[in-house]
Protein backbone atom coordinates (compact mmCIF):
# COMPACT_ATOMS: atom_id res chain seq x y z
CA MET A 1 25.51 41.69 -31.05
CA LYS A 2 27.93 39.43 -29.15
CA LYS A 3 27.43 41.53 -26.00
CA LEU A 4 23.65 41.13 -26.27
CA PHE A 5 23.94 37.36 -26.73
CA VAL A 6 26.38 36.98 -23.82
CA THR A 7 24.21 39.15 -21.56
CA ALA A 8 21.09 37.15 -22.44
CA ALA A 9 22.91 33.87 -21.78
CA VAL A 10 24.18 35.07 -18.38
CA LEU A 11 20.67 36.23 -17.38
CA PHE A 12 19.16 32.92 -18.49
CA VAL A 13 21.70 30.85 -16.52
CA GLY A 14 21.22 33.09 -13.48
CA LEU A 15 17.43 32.75 -13.57
CA VAL A 16 17.57 28.97 -13.98
CA GLY A 17 20.04 28.69 -11.10
CA PHE A 18 17.89 30.93 -8.89
CA SER A 19 14.70 28.92 -9.54
CA GLN A 20 16.48 25.61 -8.84
CA ALA A 21 17.90 26.98 -5.59
CA ASN A 22 14.38 27.88 -4.43
CA VAL A 23 13.06 24.40 -5.25
CA ALA A 24 15.93 22.70 -3.43
CA THR A 25 15.36 24.68 -0.22
CA THR A 26 11.64 23.84 0.04
CA PRO A 27 11.38 21.06 2.65
CA ALA A 28 9.34 18.00 1.69
CA LYS A 29 6.52 16.98 4.06
CA ASP A 30 7.13 13.67 5.80
CA VAL A 31 3.94 11.62 5.99
CA ASN A 32 5.16 9.98 9.23
CA THR A 33 5.20 13.35 11.04
CA GLN A 34 1.55 13.91 10.04
CA ILE A 35 0.01 10.42 10.26
CA GLU A 36 0.66 7.46 12.55
CA PHE A 37 0.04 4.07 10.89
CA LYS A 38 -0.95 0.68 12.30
CA ASN A 39 -0.54 -2.32 9.94
CA ASP A 40 1.01 -0.34 7.06
CA THR A 41 3.22 -3.42 6.65
CA TYR A 42 1.35 -6.70 7.15
CA ASN A 43 2.21 -10.41 6.86
CA PHE A 44 -0.67 -12.83 6.23
CA GLY A 45 1.51 -15.87 6.83
CA LYS A 46 0.25 -18.93 4.93
CA ILE A 47 -3.00 -18.43 3.06
CA THR A 48 -4.96 -20.80 0.84
CA TYR A 49 -4.79 -20.10 -2.89
CA GLY A 50 -8.07 -18.73 -4.25
CA LYS A 51 -9.58 -17.74 -0.88
CA PRO A 52 -9.85 -13.96 -0.38
CA VAL A 53 -8.25 -12.42 2.71
CA GLU A 54 -8.19 -8.90 4.12
CA TYR A 55 -6.61 -6.74 6.78
CA VAL A 56 -7.24 -3.27 8.18
CA VAL A 57 -4.82 -0.33 8.22
CA GLU A 58 -5.45 2.34 10.86
CA MET A 59 -4.31 5.92 10.26
CA LYS A 60 -4.23 8.47 13.07
CA ASN A 61 -3.79 12.16 12.29
CA ILE A 62 -0.95 13.37 14.54
CA GLY A 63 -0.53 16.67 12.66
CA LYS A 64 -2.14 20.04 13.23
CA ASP A 65 -4.35 20.15 10.11
CA SER A 66 -7.27 18.04 8.88
CA LEU A 67 -6.40 15.43 6.26
CA SER A 68 -8.28 13.33 3.70
CA ILE A 69 -7.48 10.22 1.69
CA LEU A 70 -7.69 11.31 -1.93
CA ASN A 71 -6.96 8.00 -3.66
CA ALA A 72 -5.56 4.51 -3.17
CA GLN A 73 -3.82 2.82 -6.09
CA PRO A 74 -3.21 -0.94 -5.73
CA GLY A 75 -0.13 -2.42 -7.35
CA CYS A 76 -2.13 -5.19 -9.07
CA GLY A 77 -5.68 -6.21 -9.95
CA CYS A 78 -5.73 -8.81 -7.17
CA THR A 79 -5.73 -6.10 -4.47
CA THR A 80 -8.71 -3.90 -3.57
CA PRO A 81 -8.50 -1.03 -1.05
CA SER A 82 -11.77 0.05 0.59
CA PHE A 83 -12.08 3.54 2.12
CA LYS A 84 -14.24 6.67 2.11
CA PRO A 85 -12.72 9.09 -0.43
CA ASN A 86 -12.26 12.67 0.78
CA GLU A 87 -13.45 11.83 4.32
CA LYS A 88 -11.76 14.39 6.57
CA PHE A 89 -10.04 13.31 9.76
CA GLY A 90 -8.82 16.01 12.07
CA PRO A 91 -5.97 16.07 14.57
CA GLY A 92 -6.26 13.09 16.92
CA GLN A 93 -8.83 11.27 14.77
CA THR A 94 -8.34 7.79 13.30
CA VAL A 95 -9.65 6.37 10.00
CA LYS A 96 -9.46 2.83 8.66
CA MET A 97 -8.82 1.30 5.25
CA THR A 98 -9.53 -2.35 4.47
CA ILE A 99 -7.17 -4.00 1.99
CA ARG A 100 -8.52 -7.15 0.30
CA PHE A 101 -6.40 -9.67 -1.58
CA ASN A 102 -7.88 -12.47 -3.68
CA SER A 103 -4.89 -14.73 -2.91
CA SER A 104 -4.03 -15.43 -6.50
CA ALA A 105 -0.47 -16.55 -5.79
CA ILE A 106 1.22 -19.83 -4.98
CA GLY A 107 4.45 -19.38 -3.05
CA ALA A 108 5.85 -16.25 -1.43
CA PHE A 109 4.35 -12.92 -2.51
CA THR A 110 4.57 -9.21 -1.69
CA ARG A 111 1.98 -6.67 -2.85
CA TYR A 112 1.46 -2.97 -2.21
CA THR A 113 -1.04 -0.11 -2.35
CA ASP A 114 -0.02 3.54 -2.76
CA VAL A 115 -2.24 5.90 -0.74
CA TYR A 116 -2.49 9.62 -1.54
CA PHE A 117 -3.53 12.16 1.09
CA THR A 118 -4.21 15.90 1.00
CA GLY A 119 -1.19 18.10 1.54
CA GLY A 120 0.92 16.15 -0.97
CA LEU A 121 1.42 13.22 1.42
CA THR A 122 1.79 9.66 0.13
CA LYS A 123 2.34 6.30 1.80
CA LYS A 124 2.96 2.78 0.45
CA PHE A 125 1.16 -0.01 2.32
CA THR A 126 2.82 -3.39 1.84
CA PHE A 127 1.58 -6.89 2.60
CA SER A 128 3.14 -10.27 2.10
CA GLY A 129 2.53 -13.94 2.73
CA GLU A 130 2.78 -17.37 1.22
CA GLY A 131 0.06 -18.83 -0.97
CA ILE A 132 -0.42 -22.55 -0.44
CA GLN A 133 -2.48 -25.11 -2.31
CA ASP A 134 -5.44 -26.39 -0.29
CA ALA A 135 -4.79 -30.05 0.64
CA PRO A 136 -7.30 -32.42 -1.00
CA ALA A 137 -9.50 -34.47 1.34
CA ALA A 138 -7.81 -37.70 2.35
CA ALA A 139 -9.11 -40.77 0.51
CA PRO A 140 -10.36 -43.59 2.75
CA ASN A 141 -7.86 -46.39 3.38
CA THR A 142 -9.05 -49.16 1.06
CA ALA A 143 -7.28 -51.90 3.03
CA GLU A 144 -9.17 -50.93 6.22
CA THR A 145 -12.45 -50.68 4.29
CA HIS A 146 -11.89 -54.14 2.76
CA LYS A 147 -10.99 -55.61 6.18
CA LEU A 148 -14.20 -54.24 7.71
CA LYS A 149 -16.33 -55.73 4.91
CA THR A 150 -14.82 -59.22 5.24
CA ASN A 151 -15.29 -59.34 9.03
CA ASN A 152 -19.08 -58.81 8.74
């Protein structure tokens, strides 16, 4: 009985080790060897609180196979990616994604959107900036207004 248990344990450990070795030797696909990005990191600079802004990310297929954008998951509810789901773009073709931000932050901010492509490829688009309060309209100088009224 001990021999059977020991043999079963050795076989189990051997099979687990073999399957892990196969997983470890499978190379991961690097999204940057398949797609070339323009504006995947973007800085808005100073933007007014409460006024929506947007920018465009360009993605060029530099691989050998056609690709598609499967999904785009923003990191918060204030960010909205706009793209054509499952639109194929072949080698040498470029597609665009518009990222909108409702500028709901005062002070420095950084936001992101995770984009998922066919072939198991993923990319994180990041944008940053500084939300500022819109300056109120300047009130008229009451001393100048009073001076003008008394000179008439």
